[in-house]
Amino acid sequence: MITQPAPACWLVGCATPPTVQWRRRAAGIGDTTPVYACHAHAISLDGAAHVHQPACTADPARLPSCSCTPEPLPPADEVPVAPAPPAAANLPPHWAPPPTSS
């Protein structure tokens, strides 16, 4: 059985477990790789919806912004619908889902 280490916050030296992730384009190969963050080092929810450039940094001085111009979102008819997170999800305050209208 192969085990992988638990993901860590992207900020070197941060010992807080990650609670969110976004994708960064892998340099030269076109695939994407996950970037994990704790509450304090997370980019915005809108920013996390995009794929970011290979050298993108989530500079702590810019949070919840980043240092790149992310790729545009795909057309709405091409976006898969993800299930809603569990009600008890532990997300940063700026990642709260928009209220639903009843």
Protein backbone atom coordinates (compact mmCIF):
# COMPACT_ATOMS: atom_id res chain seq x y z
CA MET A 1 0.00 0.00 0.00
CA ILE A 2 1.38 3.37 -1.01
CA THR A 3 0.68 6.21 1.36
CA GLN A 4 1.11 9.85 0.55
CA PRO A 5 2.01 12.54 3.05
CA ALA A 6 -0.83 14.75 4.20
CA PRO A 7 -1.05 17.99 2.22
CA ALA A 8 0.44 21.07 3.84
CA CYS A 9 -0.30 24.78 3.55
CA TRP A 10 1.55 26.31 0.58
CA LEU A 11 3.33 28.81 2.87
CA VAL A 12 6.63 27.22 3.91
CA GLY A 13 6.81 26.97 7.68
CA CYS A 14 3.05 27.17 8.27
CA ALA A 15 2.06 24.26 10.50
CA THR A 16 -1.70 24.88 10.31
CA PRO A 17 -3.51 22.09 8.44
CA PRO A 18 -4.97 23.12 5.07
CA THR A 19 -8.72 23.52 4.71
CA VAL A 20 -9.01 24.65 1.07
CA GLN A 21 -7.28 24.12 -2.27
CA TRP A 22 -7.06 25.59 -5.75
CA ARG A 23 -5.28 24.51 -8.93
CA ARG A 24 -2.08 25.78 -10.53
CA ARG A 25 -0.99 24.91 -14.08
CA ALA A 26 2.11 22.68 -13.99
CA ALA A 27 4.98 24.30 -15.90
CA GLY A 28 5.61 22.77 -19.30
CA ILE A 29 3.18 19.86 -19.15
CA GLY A 30 -0.28 21.42 -19.16
CA ASP A 31 -1.62 19.43 -16.21
CA THR A 32 -2.72 21.09 -13.02
CA THR A 33 -1.48 20.55 -9.50
CA PRO A 34 -3.29 21.32 -6.25
CA VAL A 35 -2.24 24.16 -3.97
CA TYR A 36 -3.39 23.75 -0.38
CA ALA A 37 -3.94 26.51 2.19
CA CYS A 38 -5.02 26.99 5.75
CA HIS A 39 -7.62 29.62 6.68
CA ALA A 40 -5.04 32.39 7.08
CA HIS A 41 -3.28 31.77 3.75
CA ALA A 42 -6.25 31.06 1.45
CA ILE A 43 -6.98 33.06 -1.67
CA SER A 44 -10.58 34.10 -2.34
CA LEU A 45 -13.25 31.59 -3.29
CA ASP A 46 -13.69 33.36 -6.65
CA GLY A 47 -9.94 33.19 -7.25
CA ALA A 48 -9.84 29.50 -6.35
CA ALA A 49 -12.43 28.75 -9.04
CA HIS A 50 -9.78 29.53 -11.68
CA VAL A 51 -6.64 27.64 -12.72
CA HIS A 52 -3.60 29.77 -11.85
CA GLN A 53 -0.31 30.27 -13.69
CA PRO A 54 2.66 27.97 -12.84
CA ALA A 55 4.59 30.69 -11.01
CA CYS A 56 1.56 32.14 -9.21
CA THR A 57 2.16 32.91 -5.57
CA ALA A 58 -0.45 33.68 -2.99
CA ASP A 59 1.75 36.38 -1.48
CA PRO A 60 0.64 36.96 2.13
CA ALA A 61 0.72 40.73 1.49
CA ARG A 62 -1.85 40.31 -1.33
CA LEU A 63 -4.25 37.80 0.25
CA PRO A 64 -6.96 37.01 -0.57
CA SER A 65 -5.56 37.90 -4.03
CA CYS A 66 -2.64 36.28 -5.83
CA SER A 67 0.24 37.33 -8.11
CA CYS A 68 -1.10 36.17 -11.49
CA THR A 69 -3.91 36.61 -13.96
CA PRO A 70 -5.70 33.25 -13.69
CA GLU A 71 -7.10 31.42 -16.70
CA PRO A 72 -10.68 32.34 -17.62
CA LEU A 73 -13.45 30.09 -16.41
CA PRO A 74 -14.91 27.63 -18.91
CA PRO A 75 -18.37 28.40 -20.34
CA ALA A 76 -21.13 27.64 -17.84
CA ASP A 77 -22.41 24.69 -19.88
CA GLU A 78 -18.98 22.99 -19.57
CA VAL A 79 -18.60 23.38 -15.80
CA PRO A 80 -19.38 20.20 -13.85
CA VAL A 81 -21.77 20.70 -10.96
CA ALA A 82 -20.05 19.73 -7.74
CA PRO A 83 -22.00 18.51 -4.74
CA ALA A 84 -22.49 21.02 -1.95
CA PRO A 85 -19.95 20.76 0.87
CA PRO A 86 -21.17 19.18 4.10
CA ALA A 87 -22.97 21.60 6.39
CA ALA A 88 -20.21 21.23 8.96
CA ALA A 89 -17.43 22.08 6.48
CA ASN A 90 -14.63 24.01 8.14
CA LEU A 91 -14.00 26.78 5.58
CA PRO A 92 -12.42 30.20 5.95
CA PRO A 93 -15.02 32.96 6.45
CA HIS A 94 -14.36 34.42 2.98
CA TRP A 95 -15.17 30.98 1.47
CA ALA A 96 -18.74 30.90 2.74
CA PRO A 97 -21.16 29.86 0.02
CA PRO A 98 -23.64 32.51 -1.06
CA PRO A 99 -27.01 32.30 0.67
CA THR A 100 -29.65 30.39 -1.23
CA SER A 101 -33.00 31.97 -1.90
CA SER A 102 -36.04 30.01 -0.83
